[in-house]
Amino acid sequence: MQTLAKAKEIAKPKAVYKCDGRQHCSQMNSYEEAKYFIQHCPNTKMDGDNDGIPCERQFNM
């Protein structure tokens, strides 16, 4: 069973994001992307209440 889980994890493509100057929720394509940006990129404006959850209205969090 462990081997099957590992195989699924390996087969699942991982999204790759990079800091490219985007700062706003309207520029994000997913919650995962917004989360990456607030954790790794400077000067983002996606977490107004500083709770670690970006773009709450856009992604219905």
N, C-alpha and C. Protein backbone atom coordinates (compact mmCIF):
# COMPACT_ATOMS: atom_id res chain seq x y z
N MET A 1 0.82 -1.20 0.00
CA MET A 1 0.00 0.00 0.00
C MET A 1 0.86 1.25 0.00
N GLN A 2 1.95 1.22 0.74
CA GLN A 2 2.83 2.37 0.81
C GLN A 2 3.45 2.66 -0.56
N THR A 3 3.76 1.64 -1.31
CA THR A 3 4.34 1.79 -2.64
C THR A 3 3.36 2.48 -3.59
N LEU A 4 2.09 2.12 -3.52
CA LEU A 4 1.07 2.74 -4.35
C LEU A 4 0.94 4.22 -4.04
N ALA A 5 0.92 4.57 -2.76
CA ALA A 5 0.83 5.97 -2.36
C ALA A 5 2.03 6.76 -2.86
N LYS A 6 3.20 6.18 -2.78
CA LYS A 6 4.42 6.83 -3.25
C LYS A 6 4.36 7.01 -4.76
N ALA A 7 3.88 6.03 -5.49
CA ALA A 7 3.78 6.12 -6.94
C ALA A 7 2.82 7.23 -7.35
N LYS A 8 1.71 7.36 -6.65
CA LYS A 8 0.76 8.43 -6.95
C LYS A 8 1.37 9.79 -6.69
N GLU A 9 2.13 9.91 -5.62
CA GLU A 9 2.78 11.18 -5.28
C GLU A 9 3.80 11.56 -6.35
N ILE A 10 4.55 10.60 -6.82
CA ILE A 10 5.56 10.85 -7.85
C ILE A 10 4.89 11.23 -9.17
N ALA A 11 3.80 10.57 -9.51
CA ALA A 11 3.11 10.80 -10.77
C ALA A 11 2.38 12.14 -10.79
N LYS A 12 2.03 12.65 -9.65
CA LYS A 12 1.27 13.89 -9.56
C LYS A 12 2.18 15.08 -9.84
N PRO A 13 1.90 15.84 -10.90
CA PRO A 13 2.76 16.98 -11.19
C PRO A 13 2.59 18.09 -10.14
N LYS A 14 3.69 18.70 -9.76
CA LYS A 14 3.66 19.77 -8.78
C LYS A 14 3.69 21.10 -9.53
N ALA A 15 2.87 22.05 -9.07
CA ALA A 15 2.89 23.37 -9.66
C ALA A 15 4.17 24.07 -9.24
N VAL A 16 4.76 24.78 -10.17
CA VAL A 16 5.98 25.51 -9.88
C VAL A 16 5.67 26.99 -10.04
N TYR A 17 5.87 27.73 -8.97
CA TYR A 17 5.62 29.16 -8.99
C TYR A 17 6.94 29.89 -8.81
N LYS A 18 6.98 31.13 -9.26
CA LYS A 18 8.15 31.95 -9.02
C LYS A 18 7.71 33.39 -8.82
N CYS A 19 8.47 34.10 -8.03
CA CYS A 19 8.19 35.51 -7.78
C CYS A 19 8.45 36.27 -9.07
N ASP A 20 7.42 36.91 -9.57
CA ASP A 20 7.56 37.62 -10.84
C ASP A 20 6.99 39.03 -10.78
N GLY A 21 6.84 39.55 -9.56
CA GLY A 21 6.37 40.92 -9.41
C GLY A 21 4.88 41.07 -9.17
N ARG A 22 4.12 40.01 -9.36
CA ARG A 22 2.68 40.11 -9.09
C ARG A 22 2.47 40.29 -7.60
N GLN A 23 1.49 41.12 -7.23
CA GLN A 23 1.26 41.43 -5.83
C GLN A 23 -0.19 41.29 -5.39
N HIS A 24 -1.13 41.27 -6.32
CA HIS A 24 -2.55 41.35 -6.00
C HIS A 24 -3.32 40.06 -6.30
N CYS A 25 -4.39 39.87 -5.58
CA CYS A 25 -5.23 38.68 -5.76
C CYS A 25 -5.75 38.55 -7.19
N SER A 26 -6.08 39.67 -7.80
CA SER A 26 -6.61 39.62 -9.16
C SER A 26 -5.60 39.04 -10.15
N GLN A 27 -4.35 38.95 -9.75
CA GLN A 27 -3.30 38.41 -10.61
C GLN A 27 -3.03 36.93 -10.35
N MET A 28 -3.68 36.35 -9.36
CA MET A 28 -3.45 34.96 -8.99
C MET A 28 -4.44 34.05 -9.70
N ASN A 29 -3.98 32.85 -10.04
CA ASN A 29 -4.83 31.87 -10.72
C ASN A 29 -5.39 30.80 -9.78
N SER A 30 -4.84 30.72 -8.57
CA SER A 30 -5.31 29.72 -7.62
C SER A 30 -4.94 30.14 -6.21
N TYR A 31 -5.59 29.50 -5.25
CA TYR A 31 -5.26 29.75 -3.85
C TYR A 31 -3.83 29.30 -3.56
N GLU A 32 -3.44 28.17 -4.12
CA GLU A 32 -2.10 27.65 -3.89
C GLU A 32 -1.04 28.63 -4.39
N GLU A 33 -1.30 29.25 -5.54
CA GLU A 33 -0.38 30.23 -6.08
C GLU A 33 -0.29 31.45 -5.16
N ALA A 34 -1.43 31.94 -4.70
CA ALA A 34 -1.45 33.09 -3.80
C ALA A 34 -0.71 32.78 -2.50
N LYS A 35 -0.92 31.59 -1.97
CA LYS A 35 -0.25 31.16 -0.74
C LYS A 35 1.27 31.16 -0.95
N TYR A 36 1.72 30.64 -2.08
CA TYR A 36 3.15 30.64 -2.38
C TYR A 36 3.68 32.08 -2.39
N PHE A 37 2.96 32.97 -3.06
CA PHE A 37 3.41 34.34 -3.18
C PHE A 37 3.52 35.04 -1.83
N ILE A 38 2.54 34.87 -0.94
CA ILE A 38 2.66 35.58 0.35
C ILE A 38 3.76 34.99 1.21
N GLN A 39 4.09 33.73 1.01
CA GLN A 39 5.14 33.09 1.81
C GLN A 39 6.54 33.34 1.27
N HIS A 40 6.69 33.56 -0.04
CA HIS A 40 8.02 33.60 -0.64
C HIS A 40 8.38 34.89 -1.36
N CYS A 41 7.42 35.74 -1.66
CA CYS A 41 7.70 36.91 -2.50
C CYS A 41 7.49 38.21 -1.72
N PRO A 42 8.32 39.21 -2.02
CA PRO A 42 8.22 40.48 -1.29
C PRO A 42 7.07 41.35 -1.79
N ASN A 43 6.61 42.23 -0.91
CA ASN A 43 5.66 43.29 -1.23
C ASN A 43 4.31 42.84 -1.75
N THR A 44 3.83 41.67 -1.31
CA THR A 44 2.51 41.24 -1.76
C THR A 44 1.44 41.98 -0.98
N LYS A 45 0.28 42.10 -1.60
CA LYS A 45 -0.84 42.81 -1.00
C LYS A 45 -2.08 41.91 -1.05
N MET A 46 -1.93 40.69 -0.53
CA MET A 46 -3.00 39.71 -0.64
C MET A 46 -3.52 39.20 0.69
N ASP A 47 -2.98 39.71 1.80
CA ASP A 47 -3.40 39.23 3.12
C ASP A 47 -3.57 40.44 4.05
N GLY A 48 -4.62 41.19 3.80
CA GLY A 48 -4.85 42.44 4.52
C GLY A 48 -4.97 42.29 6.02
N ASP A 49 -5.47 41.17 6.50
CA ASP A 49 -5.62 40.99 7.95
C ASP A 49 -4.48 40.18 8.56
N ASN A 50 -3.47 39.88 7.76
CA ASN A 50 -2.26 39.18 8.23
C ASN A 50 -2.53 37.87 8.97
N ASP A 51 -3.52 37.12 8.49
CA ASP A 51 -3.82 35.84 9.13
C ASP A 51 -3.20 34.65 8.39
N GLY A 52 -2.42 34.94 7.34
CA GLY A 52 -1.77 33.89 6.58
C GLY A 52 -2.63 33.28 5.49
N ILE A 53 -3.85 33.78 5.34
CA ILE A 53 -4.76 33.27 4.31
C ILE A 53 -4.93 34.37 3.26
N PRO A 54 -4.35 34.18 2.08
CA PRO A 54 -4.45 35.21 1.05
C PRO A 54 -5.75 35.12 0.26
N CYS A 55 -6.17 36.24 -0.24
CA CYS A 55 -7.29 36.31 -1.21
C CYS A 55 -8.55 35.61 -0.70
N GLU A 56 -8.89 35.88 0.54
CA GLU A 56 -10.03 35.18 1.16
C GLU A 56 -11.33 35.36 0.40
N ARG A 57 -11.59 36.54 -0.08
CA ARG A 57 -12.84 36.78 -0.82
C ARG A 57 -12.82 36.11 -2.19
N GLN A 58 -11.69 36.20 -2.87
CA GLN A 58 -11.58 35.65 -4.22
C GLN A 58 -11.73 34.13 -4.24
N PHE A 59 -11.12 33.47 -3.27
CA PHE A 59 -11.14 32.01 -3.25
C PHE A 59 -12.10 31.45 -2.19
N ASN A 60 -13.01 32.30 -1.71
CA ASN A 60 -14.06 31.91 -0.76
C ASN A 60 -13.53 31.14 0.45
N MET A 61 -12.56 31.68 1.10
CA MET A 61 -11.97 31.02 2.26
C MET A 61 -12.73 31.45 3.52
